[in-house]
């Protein structure tokens, strides 16, 4: 038995009544900040990979 769209709306309204509307702006702000940090951290390794040159095998000089 699947939940239909109108049932999701009813569930959402009930959750909003229990949780309260004043807390929602803080929740959305927190989620947005978390997404920003997540996206920044995902792009960070890509930028670091572009900055560091790749080592090619056999090109390193051996110290005697």
Protein backbone atom coordinates (compact mmCIF):
# COMPACT_ATOMS: atom_id res chain seq x y z
CA UNK A 1 0.00 0.00 0.00
CA UNK A 2 1.57 3.25 -1.16
CA UNK A 3 1.02 6.67 0.33
CA UNK A 4 -0.66 9.00 -2.14
CA UNK A 5 0.12 12.69 -2.57
CA UNK A 6 -2.89 13.94 -0.59
CA UNK A 7 -1.84 11.71 2.31
CA UNK A 8 1.64 13.26 2.26
CA UNK A 9 0.05 16.70 2.49
CA UNK A 10 -2.01 15.65 5.51
CA UNK A 11 1.10 14.21 7.17
CA UNK A 12 2.99 17.42 6.48
CA UNK A 13 0.23 19.56 8.01
CA UNK A 14 0.15 17.38 11.13
CA UNK A 15 3.93 17.61 11.49
CA UNK A 16 3.78 21.38 11.11
CA UNK A 17 1.12 21.60 13.81
CA UNK A 18 3.13 19.49 16.23
CA UNK A 19 6.51 20.96 15.49
CA UNK A 20 5.41 24.54 15.17
CA UNK A 21 5.83 27.16 12.51
CA UNK A 22 8.34 29.32 14.46
CA UNK A 23 10.99 26.60 14.27
CA UNK A 24 10.75 26.16 10.50
CA UNK A 25 12.83 29.22 9.48
CA UNK A 26 15.66 28.09 11.72
CA UNK A 27 15.43 24.59 10.28
CA UNK A 28 15.53 25.78 6.68
CA UNK A 29 18.45 28.10 7.46
CA UNK A 30 20.35 25.25 9.05
CA UNK A 31 19.70 22.95 6.10
CA UNK A 32 20.79 25.64 3.62
CA UNK A 33 24.03 26.28 5.52
CA UNK A 34 24.73 22.56 5.69
CA UNK A 35 24.23 22.22 1.93
CA UNK A 36 26.56 25.15 1.28
CA UNK A 37 29.29 23.58 3.42
CA UNK A 38 28.76 20.21 1.76
CA UNK A 39 29.04 21.67 -1.74
CA UNK A 40 32.13 23.66 -0.76
CA UNK A 41 33.81 20.55 0.61
CA UNK A 42 32.99 18.60 -2.54
CA UNK A 43 34.59 21.25 -4.74
CA UNK A 44 37.62 21.59 -2.45
CA UNK A 45 39.30 18.27 -3.37
CA UNK A 46 38.76 19.01 -7.08
CA UNK A 47 40.49 22.39 -6.72
CA UNK A 48 43.35 20.82 -4.75
CA UNK A 49 43.75 18.12 -7.39
CA UNK A 50 44.12 20.75 -10.11
CA UNK A 51 46.74 22.66 -8.11
CA UNK A 52 49.01 19.70 -7.33
CA UNK A 53 50.94 18.24 -10.26
CA UNK A 54 50.63 14.55 -10.87
CA UNK A 55 53.73 12.40 -10.46
CA UNK A 56 54.74 10.36 -13.44
CA UNK A 57 56.46 7.08 -12.70
CA UNK A 58 60.08 6.89 -13.72
CA UNK A 59 60.71 10.65 -13.66
CA UNK A 60 61.91 10.85 -10.06
CA UNK A 61 65.64 11.27 -9.57
CA UNK A 62 67.30 8.80 -7.27
CA UNK A 63 69.61 10.16 -4.59
CA UNK A 64 72.92 8.31 -4.22
